[in-house]
Amino acid sequence: MSEKSIALRVRRVAAQCAQLSQLGVDLDSVRDEDSLYEAGMSSRASVNLMLGLEGEFDIEFPDRLLRRDVFESIASIASAIESLLRS
C-alpha cells in the first residue's frame, strides 16, 4: 500500500473523526503537511481520530507513537501507519 493511498484513507477518517467540520474547517483545504491542531483539532478529537484510524487500518498504535507530533498532520499520521503496516 502506497503512502499516498494511506494518506487518502487517513484524510477520509479525519473528515469523520477530527471534528474540524464542526469548526467550519473544510479538510479538503488542509494540505497533508498542515497542522491539524492549528486547523482546530482538539486533543479529545485526536483520540477519536486515533480510534477511527485503528479501526480503518486494523492496527493498534503502540505507546511510543501516542505523541502529539504523530497526529500533527495527515502526512505524519500516514508515515506512522505505513511504518506499522510494514512491521
PDB file of N, CA and C in Angstrom:
ATOM      1  N   MET A   1       0.851  -1.176   0.000  1.00  0.00           N
ATOM      2  CA  MET A   1       0.000   0.000   0.000  1.00  0.00           C
ATOM      3  C   MET A   1       0.897   1.240   0.000  1.00  0.00           C
ATOM      4  N   SER A   2       0.632   2.158  -0.895  1.00  0.00           N
ATOM      5  CA  SER A   2       1.473   3.346  -1.008  1.00  0.00           C
ATOM      6  C   SER A   2       1.119   4.374   0.063  1.00  0.00           C
ATOM      7  N   GLU A   3       2.094   5.237   0.340  1.00  0.00           N
ATOM      8  CA  GLU A   3       1.847   6.279   1.340  1.00  0.00           C
ATOM      9  C   GLU A   3       0.739   7.221   0.870  1.00  0.00           C
ATOM     10  N   LYS A   4       0.635   7.420  -0.444  1.00  0.00           N
ATOM     11  CA  LYS A   4      -0.421   8.293  -0.969  1.00  0.00           C
ATOM     12  C   LYS A   4      -1.806   7.693  -0.711  1.00  0.00           C
ATOM     13  N   SER A   5      -1.962   6.388  -0.935  1.00  0.00           N
ATOM     14  CA  SER A   5      -3.270   5.767  -0.677  1.00  0.00           C
ATOM     15  C   SER A   5      -3.564   5.741   0.820  1.00  0.00           C
ATOM     16  N   ILE A   6      -2.517   5.573   1.630  1.00  0.00           N
ATOM     17  CA  ILE A   6      -2.704   5.645   3.085  1.00  0.00           C
ATOM     18  C   ILE A   6      -3.164   7.039   3.468  1.00  0.00           C
ATOM     19  N   ALA A   7      -2.520   8.057   2.893  1.00  0.00           N
ATOM     20  CA  ALA A   7      -2.875   9.449   3.211  1.00  0.00           C
ATOM     21  C   ALA A   7      -4.328   9.741   2.837  1.00  0.00           C
ATOM     22  N   LEU A   8      -4.793   9.202   1.717  1.00  0.00           N
ATOM     23  CA  LEU A   8      -6.187   9.420   1.312  1.00  0.00           C
ATOM     24  C   LEU A   8      -7.149   8.792   2.316  1.00  0.00           C
ATOM     25  N   ARG A   9      -6.814   7.603   2.786  1.00  0.00           N
ATOM     26  CA  ARG A   9      -7.658   6.949   3.794  1.00  0.00           C
ATOM     27  C   ARG A   9      -7.605   7.695   5.121  1.00  0.00           C
ATOM     28  N   VAL A  10      -6.428   8.183   5.496  1.00  0.00           N
ATOM     29  CA  VAL A  10      -6.293   8.978   6.723  1.00  0.00           C
ATOM     30  C   VAL A  10      -7.158  10.226   6.621  1.00  0.00           C
ATOM     31  N   ARG A  11      -7.108  10.877   5.477  1.00  0.00           N
ATOM     32  CA  ARG A  11      -7.909  12.093   5.260  1.00  0.00           C
ATOM     33  C   ARG A  11      -9.396  11.795   5.408  1.00  0.00           C
ATOM     34  N   ARG A  12      -9.845  10.674   4.854  1.00  0.00           N
ATOM     35  CA  ARG A  12     -11.262  10.293   4.950  1.00  0.00           C
ATOM     36  C   ARG A  12     -11.677  10.059   6.406  1.00  0.00           C
ATOM     37  N   VAL A  13     -10.821   9.357   7.161  1.00  0.00           N
ATOM     38  CA  VAL A  13     -11.124   9.112   8.572  1.00  0.00           C
ATOM     39  C   VAL A  13     -11.080  10.432   9.347  1.00  0.00           C
ATOM     40  N   ALA A  14     -10.113  11.272   9.039  1.00  0.00           N
ATOM     41  CA  ALA A  14     -10.009  12.569   9.720  1.00  0.00           C
ATOM     42  C   ALA A  14     -11.259  13.415   9.474  1.00  0.00           C
ATOM     43  N   ALA A  15     -11.779  13.354   8.265  1.00  0.00           N
ATOM     44  CA  ALA A  15     -13.000  14.118   7.954  1.00  0.00           C
ATOM     45  C   ALA A  15     -14.158  13.659   8.832  1.00  0.00           C
ATOM     46  N   GLN A  16     -14.163  12.375   9.187  1.00  0.00           N
ATOM     47  CA  GLN A  16     -15.239  11.828  10.011  1.00  0.00           C
ATOM     48  C   GLN A  16     -14.991  12.019  11.504  1.00  0.00           C
ATOM     49  N   CYS A  17     -13.733  11.984  11.925  1.00  0.00           N
ATOM     50  CA  CYS A  17     -13.427  11.876  13.359  1.00  0.00           C
ATOM     51  C   CYS A  17     -12.758  13.087  14.003  1.00  0.00           C
ATOM     52  N   ALA A  18     -12.118  13.932  13.220  1.00  0.00           N
ATOM     53  CA  ALA A  18     -11.320  15.015  13.815  1.00  0.00           C
ATOM     54  C   ALA A  18     -12.150  16.222  14.227  1.00  0.00           C
ATOM     55  N   GLN A  19     -13.430  16.207  13.902  1.00  0.00           N
ATOM     56  CA  GLN A  19     -14.375  17.247  14.315  1.00  0.00           C
ATOM     57  C   GLN A  19     -14.017  18.635  13.796  1.00  0.00           C
ATOM     58  N   LEU A  20     -13.279  18.706  12.693  1.00  0.00           N
ATOM     59  CA  LEU A  20     -12.909  20.006  12.139  1.00  0.00           C
ATOM     60  C   LEU A  20     -14.074  20.662  11.403  1.00  0.00           C
ATOM     61  N   SER A  21     -14.953  19.834  10.815  1.00  0.00           N
ATOM     62  CA  SER A  21     -16.081  20.412  10.088  1.00  0.00           C
ATOM     63  C   SER A  21     -17.007  21.179  11.029  1.00  0.00           C
ATOM     64  N   GLN A  22     -17.067  20.756  12.285  1.00  0.00           N
ATOM     65  CA  GLN A  22     -17.884  21.469  13.270  1.00  0.00           C
ATOM     66  C   GLN A  22     -17.344  22.875  13.526  1.00  0.00           C
ATOM     67  N   LEU A  23     -16.062  23.070  13.219  1.00  0.00           N
ATOM     68  CA  LEU A  23     -15.435  24.383  13.381  1.00  0.00           C
ATOM     69  C   LEU A  23     -15.452  25.183  12.087  1.00  0.00           C
ATOM     70  N   GLY A  24     -16.082  24.610  11.054  1.00  0.00           N
ATOM     71  CA  GLY A  24     -16.141  25.291   9.771  1.00  0.00           C
ATOM     72  C   GLY A  24     -14.903  25.088   8.920  1.00  0.00           C
ATOM     73  N   VAL A  25     -14.062  24.111   9.275  1.00  0.00           N
ATOM     74  CA  VAL A  25     -12.841  23.836   8.514  1.00  0.00           C
ATOM     75  C   VAL A  25     -13.143  22.771   7.469  1.00  0.00           C
ATOM     76  N   ASP A  26     -12.873  23.113   6.216  1.00  0.00           N
ATOM     77  CA  ASP A  26     -13.017  22.159   5.125  1.00  0.00           C
ATOM     78  C   ASP A  26     -11.695  21.399   5.017  1.00  0.00           C
ATOM     79  N   LEU A  27     -11.709  20.119   5.347  1.00  0.00           N
ATOM     80  CA  LEU A  27     -10.478  19.331   5.360  1.00  0.00           C
ATOM     81  C   LEU A  27      -9.836  19.273   3.976  1.00  0.00           C
ATOM     82  N   ASP A  28     -10.624  19.460   2.926  1.00  0.00           N
ATOM     83  CA  ASP A  28     -10.066  19.482   1.570  1.00  0.00           C
ATOM     84  C   ASP A  28      -9.130  20.672   1.366  1.00  0.00           C
ATOM     85  N   SER A  29      -9.288  21.707   2.180  1.00  0.00           N
ATOM     86  CA  SER A  29      -8.418  22.883   2.051  1.00  0.00           C
ATOM     87  C   SER A  29      -7.154  22.761   2.905  1.00  0.00           C
ATOM     88  N   VAL A  30      -7.044  21.684   3.671  1.00  0.00           N
ATOM     89  CA  VAL A  30      -5.877  21.453   4.523  1.00  0.00           C
ATOM     90  C   VAL A  30      -4.910  20.544   3.761  1.00  0.00           C
ATOM     91  N   ARG A  31      -3.680  21.022   3.573  1.00  0.00           N
ATOM     92  CA  ARG A  31      -2.667  20.207   2.883  1.00  0.00           C
ATOM     93  C   ARG A  31      -2.198  19.085   3.806  1.00  0.00           C
ATOM     94  N   ASP A  32      -1.636  18.053   3.219  1.00  0.00           N
ATOM     95  CA  ASP A  32      -1.176  16.898   4.001  1.00  0.00           C
ATOM     96  C   ASP A  32      -0.171  17.301   5.077  1.00  0.00           C
ATOM     97  N   GLU A  33       0.631  18.334   4.832  1.00  0.00           N
ATOM     98  CA  GLU A  33       1.669  18.753   5.766  1.00  0.00           C
ATOM     99  C   GLU A  33       1.180  19.775   6.795  1.00  0.00           C
ATOM    100  N   ASP A  34      -0.031  20.303   6.617  1.00  0.00           N
ATOM    101  CA  ASP A  34      -0.557  21.320   7.537  1.00  0.00           C
ATOM    102  C   ASP A  34      -0.902  20.703   8.891  1.00  0.00           C
ATOM    103  N   SER A  35      -0.768  21.506   9.927  1.00  0.00           N
ATOM    104  CA  SER A  35      -1.075  21.056  11.284  1.00  0.00           C
ATOM    105  C   SER A  35      -2.582  20.947  11.491  1.00  0.00           C
ATOM    106  N   LEU A  36      -3.014  19.759  11.868  1.00  0.00           N
ATOM    107  CA  LEU A  36      -4.426  19.569  12.190  1.00  0.00           C
ATOM    108  C   LEU A  36      -4.786  20.311  13.478  1.00  0.00           C
ATOM    109  N   TYR A  37      -3.813  20.426  14.378  1.00  0.00           N
ATOM    110  CA  TYR A  37      -4.062  21.154  15.626  1.00  0.00           C
ATOM    111  C   TYR A  37      -4.248  22.643  15.345  1.00  0.00           C
ATOM    112  N   GLU A  38      -3.426  23.199  14.454  1.00  0.00           N
ATOM    113  CA  GLU A  38      -3.589  24.610  14.089  1.00  0.00           C
ATOM    114  C   GLU A  38      -4.898  24.841  13.348  1.00  0.00           C
ATOM    115  N   ALA A  39      -5.377  23.808  12.661  1.00  0.00           N
ATOM    116  CA  ALA A  39      -6.666  23.909  11.972  1.00  0.00           C
ATOM    117  C   ALA A  39      -7.826  23.859  12.958  1.00  0.00           C
ATOM    118  N   GLY A  40      -7.550  23.434  14.211  1.00  0.00           N
ATOM    119  CA  GLY A  40      -8.584  23.438  15.231  1.00  0.00           C
ATOM    120  C   GLY A  40      -8.856  22.109  15.912  1.00  0.00           C
ATOM    121  N   MET A  41      -8.120  21.055  15.531  1.00  0.00           N
ATOM    122  CA  MET A  41      -8.362  19.762  16.167  1.00  0.00           C
ATOM    123  C   MET A  41      -7.949  19.803  17.633  1.00  0.00           C
ATOM    124  N   SER A  42      -8.823  19.356  18.505  1.00  0.00           N
ATOM    125  CA  SER A  42      -8.529  19.312  19.939  1.00  0.00           C
ATOM    126  C   SER A  42      -7.843  17.994  20.284  1.00  0.00           C
ATOM    127  N   SER A  43      -7.292  17.916  21.473  1.00  0.00           N
ATOM    128  CA  SER A  43      -6.665  16.662  21.903  1.00  0.00           C
ATOM    129  C   SER A  43      -7.721  15.564  22.019  1.00  0.00           C
ATOM    130  N   ARG A  44      -8.913  15.922  22.430  1.00  0.00           N
ATOM    131  CA  ARG A  44     -10.002  14.935  22.509  1.00  0.00           C
ATOM    132  C   ARG A  44     -10.345  14.407  21.120  1.00  0.00           C
ATOM    133  N   ALA A  45     -10.410  15.300  20.145  1.00  0.00           N
ATOM    134  CA  ALA A  45     -10.692  14.880  18.769  1.00  0.00           C
ATOM    135  C   ALA A  45      -9.561  14.017  18.222  1.00  0.00           C
ATOM    136  N   SER A  46      -8.332  14.267  18.657  1.00  0.00           N
ATOM    137  CA  SER A  46      -7.213  13.445  18.182  1.00  0.00           C
ATOM    138  C   SER A  46      -7.345  12.007  18.685  1.00  0.00           C
ATOM    139  N   VAL A  47      -7.913  11.826  19.865  1.00  0.00           N
ATOM    140  CA  VAL A  47      -8.163  10.476  20.380  1.00  0.00           C
ATOM    141  C   VAL A  47      -9.231   9.795  19.519  1.00  0.00           C
ATOM    142  N   ASN A  48     -10.283  10.525  19.168  1.00  0.00           N
ATOM    143  CA  ASN A  48     -11.314   9.980  18.270  1.00  0.00           C
ATOM    144  C   ASN A  48     -10.705   9.599  16.928  1.00  0.00           C
ATOM    145  N   LEU A  49      -9.822  10.456  16.434  1.00  0.00           N
ATOM    146  CA  LEU A  49      -9.145  10.181  15.166  1.00  0.00           C
ATOM    147  C   LEU A  49      -8.299   8.919  15.280  1.00  0.00           C
ATOM    148  N   MET A  50      -7.541   8.793  16.362  1.00  0.00           N
ATOM    149  CA  MET A  50      -6.703   7.614  16.565  1.00  0.00           C
ATOM    150  C   MET A  50      -7.560   6.341  16.555  1.00  0.00           C
ATOM    151  N   LEU A  51      -8.668   6.364  17.271  1.00  0.00           N
ATOM    152  CA  LEU A  51      -9.547   5.194  17.322  1.00  0.00           C
ATOM    153  C   LEU A  51     -10.131   4.874  15.944  1.00  0.00           C
ATOM    154  N   GLY A  52     -10.507   5.903  15.222  1.00  0.00           N
ATOM    155  CA  GLY A  52     -11.017   5.704  13.866  1.00  0.00           C
ATOM    156  C   GLY A  52      -9.966   5.106  12.946  1.00  0.00           C
ATOM    157  N   LEU A  53      -8.730   5.561  13.079  1.00  0.00           N
ATOM    158  CA  LEU A  53      -7.641   5.035  12.259  1.00  0.00           C
ATOM    159  C   LEU A  53      -7.331   3.588  12.612  1.00  0.00           C
ATOM    160  N   GLU A  54      -7.377   3.271  13.900  1.00  0.00           N
ATOM    161  CA  GLU A  54      -7.133   1.886  14.309  1.00  0.00           C
ATOM    162  C   GLU A  54      -8.164   0.947  13.686  1.00  0.00           C
ATOM    163  N   GLY A  55      -9.412   1.390  13.638  1.00  0.00           N
ATOM    164  CA  GLY A  55     -10.450   0.587  13.005  1.00  0.00           C
ATOM    165  C   GLY A  55     -10.285   0.506  11.495  1.00  0.00           C
ATOM    166  N   GLU A  56      -9.968   1.605  10.869  1.00  0.00           N
ATOM    167  CA  GLU A  56      -9.812   1.659   9.412  1.00  0.00           C
ATOM    168  C   GLU A  56      -8.673   0.770   8.922  1.00  0.00           C
ATOM    169  N   PHE A  57      -7.554   0.801   9.629  1.00  0.00           N
ATOM    170  CA  PHE A  57      -6.362   0.078   9.182  1.00  0.00           C
ATOM    171  C   PHE A  57      -6.136  -1.234   9.937  1.00  0.00           C
ATOM    172  N   ASP A  58      -7.014  -1.557  10.872  1.00  0.00           N
ATOM    173  CA  ASP A  58      -6.872  -2.769  11.679  1.00  0.00           C
ATOM    174  C   ASP A  58      -5.486  -2.825  12.333  1.00  0.00           C
ATOM    175  N   ILE A  59      -5.161  -1.742  13.023  1.00  0.00           N
ATOM    176  CA  ILE A  59      -3.877  -1.620  13.710  1.00  0.00           C
ATOM    177  C   ILE A  59      -4.131  -1.135  15.128  1.00  0.00           C
ATOM    178  N   GLU A  60      -3.077  -1.131  15.932  1.00  0.00           N
ATOM    179  CA  GLU A  60      -3.120  -0.504  17.244  1.00  0.00           C
ATOM    180  C   GLU A  60      -1.866   0.348  17.371  1.00  0.00           C
ATOM    181  N   PHE A  61      -2.059   1.614  17.692  1.00  0.00           N
ATOM    182  CA  PHE A  61      -0.918   2.497  17.877  1.00  0.00           C
ATOM    183  C   PHE A  61      -0.223   2.130  19.186  1.00  0.00           C
ATOM    184  N   PRO A  62       1.065   1.770  19.120  1.00  0.00           N
ATOM    185  CA  PRO A  62       1.791   1.464  20.349  1.00  0.00           C
ATOM    186  C   PRO A  62       2.055   2.752  21.138  1.00  0.00           C
ATOM    187  N   ASP A  63       2.333   2.588  22.418  1.00  0.00           N
ATOM    188  CA  ASP A  63       2.566   3.747  23.291  1.00  0.00           C
ATOM    189  C   ASP A  63       3.606   4.705  22.727  1.00  0.00           C
ATOM    190  N   ARG A  64       4.638   4.178  22.066  1.00  0.00           N
ATOM    191  CA  ARG A  64       5.713   5.035  21.554  1.00  0.00           C
ATOM    192  C   ARG A  64       5.219   6.004  20.472  1.00  0.00           C
ATOM    193  N   LEU A  65       4.068   5.716  19.873  1.00  0.00           N
ATOM    194  CA  LEU A  65       3.520   6.589  18.836  1.00  0.00           C
ATOM    195  C   LEU A  65       2.375   7.469  19.337  1.00  0.00           C
ATOM    196  N   LEU A  66       2.059   7.376  20.599  1.00  0.00           N
ATOM    197  CA  LEU A  66       0.975   8.202  21.150  1.00  0.00           C
ATOM    198  C   LEU A  66       1.540   9.553  21.571  1.00  0.00           C
ATOM    199  N   ARG A  67       1.952  10.306  20.541  1.00  0.00           N
ATOM    200  CA  ARG A  67       2.545  11.630  20.749  1.00  0.00           C
ATOM    201  C   ARG A  67       1.847  12.630  19.833  1.00  0.00           C
ATOM    202  N   ARG A  68       1.837  13.863  20.277  1.00  0.00           N
ATOM    203  CA  ARG A  68       1.195  14.922  19.501  1.00  0.00           C
ATOM    204  C   ARG A  68       1.783  15.033  18.096  1.00  0.00           C
ATOM    205  N   ASP A  69       3.108  14.907  17.958  1.00  0.00           N
ATOM    206  CA  ASP A  69       3.720  15.093  16.645  1.00  0.00           C
ATOM    207  C   ASP A  69       3.306  14.011  15.652  1.00  0.00           C
ATOM    208  N   VAL A  70       2.954  12.829  16.125  1.00  0.00           N
ATOM    209  CA  VAL A  70       2.499  11.755  15.229  1.00  0.00           C
ATOM    210  C   VAL A  70       1.149  12.127  14.612  1.00  0.00           C
ATOM    211  N   PHE A  71       0.298  12.783  15.381  1.00  0.00           N
ATOM    212  CA  PHE A  71      -1.044  13.133  14.918  1.00  0.00           C
ATOM    213  C   PHE A  71      -1.140  14.586  14.451  1.00  0.00           C
ATOM    214  N   GLU A  72       0.006  15.218  14.231  1.00  0.00           N
ATOM    215  CA  GLU A  72       0.075  16.632  13.843  1.00  0.00           C
ATOM    216  C   GLU A  72      -0.538  16.890  12.464  1.00  0.00           C
ATOM    217  N   SER A  73      -0.304  15.988  11.527  1.00  0.00           N
ATOM    218  CA  SER A  73      -0.744  16.235  10.154  1.00  0.00           C
ATOM    219  C   SER A  73      -1.132  14.920   9.480  1.00  0.00           C
ATOM    220  N   ILE A  74      -1.803  15.049   8.349  1.00  0.00           N
ATOM    221  CA  ILE A  74      -2.145  13.871   7.551  1.00  0.00           C
ATOM    222  C   ILE A  74      -0.861  13.133   7.177  1.00  0.00           C
ATOM    223  N   ALA A  75       0.162  13.876   6.773  1.00  0.00           N
ATOM    224  CA  ALA A  75       1.431  13.268   6.349  1.00  0.00           C
ATOM    225  C   ALA A  75       2.104  12.510   7.487  1.00  0.00           C
ATOM    226  N   SER A  76       2.137  13.094   8.689  1.00  0.00           N
ATOM    227  CA  SER A  76       2.809  12.416   9.804  1.00  0.00           C
ATOM    228  C   SER A  76       2.031  11.176  10.245  1.00  0.00           C
ATOM    229  N   ILE A  77       0.716  11.233  10.174  1.00  0.00           N
ATOM    230  CA  ILE A  77      -0.103  10.069  10.512  1.00  0.00           C
ATOM    231  C   ILE A  77       0.123   8.967   9.482  1.00  0.00           C
ATOM    232  N   ALA A  78       0.102   9.333   8.202  1.00  0.00           N
ATOM    233  CA  ALA A  78       0.301   8.345   7.132  1.00  0.00           C
ATOM    234  C   ALA A  78       1.659   7.676   7.262  1.00  0.00           C
ATOM    235  N   SER A  79       2.668   8.437   7.602  1.00  0.00           N
ATOM    236  CA  SER A  79       4.009   7.879   7.780  1.00  0.00           C
ATOM    237  C   SER A  79       4.039   6.874   8.930  1.00  0.00           C
ATOM    238  N   ALA A  80       3.411   7.219  10.041  1.00  0.00           N
ATOM    239  CA  ALA A  80       3.359   6.319  11.197  1.00  0.00           C
ATOM    240  C   ALA A  80       2.604   5.035  10.837  1.00  0.00           C
ATOM    241  N   ILE A  81       1.497   5.171  10.131  1.00  0.00           N
ATOM    242  CA  ILE A  81       0.706   3.992   9.764  1.00  0.00           C
ATOM    243  C   ILE A  81       1.488   3.122   8.793  1.00  0.00           C
ATOM    244  N   GLU A  82       2.167   3.741   7.849  1.00  0.00           N
ATOM    245  CA  GLU A  82       2.971   2.975   6.896  1.00  0.00           C
ATOM    246  C   GLU A  82       4.028   2.150   7.638  1.00  0.00           C
ATOM    247  N   SER A  83       4.669   2.748   8.631  1.00  0.00           N
ATOM    248  CA  SER A  83       5.689   2.008   9.382  1.00  0.00           C
ATOM    249  C   SER A  83       5.058   0.862  10.179  1.00  0.00           C
ATOM    250  N   LEU A  84       3.853   1.063  10.709  1.00  0.00           N
ATOM    251  CA  LEU A  84       3.169  -0.006  11.437  1.00  0.00           C
ATOM    252  C   LEU A  84       2.756  -1.150  10.510  1.00  0.00           C
ATOM    253  N   LEU A  85       2.319  -0.819   9.320  1.00  0.00           N
ATOM    254  CA  LEU A  85       1.881  -1.848   8.383  1.00  0.00           C
ATOM    255  C   LEU A  85       3.057  -2.654   7.839  1.00  0.00           C
ATOM    256  N   ARG A  86       4.245  -2.056   7.802  1.00  0.00           N
ATOM    257  CA  ARG A  86       5.448  -2.764   7.333  1.00  0.00           C
ATOM    258  C   ARG A  86       5.966  -3.740   8.371  1.00  0.00           C
ATOM    259  N   SER A  87       5.717  -3.459   9.643  1.00  0.00           N
ATOM    260  CA  SER A  87       6.293  -4.317  10.689  1.00  0.00           C
ATOM    261  C   SER A  87       5.414  -5.484  11.052  1.00  0.00           C
TER     262      SER A  87
END
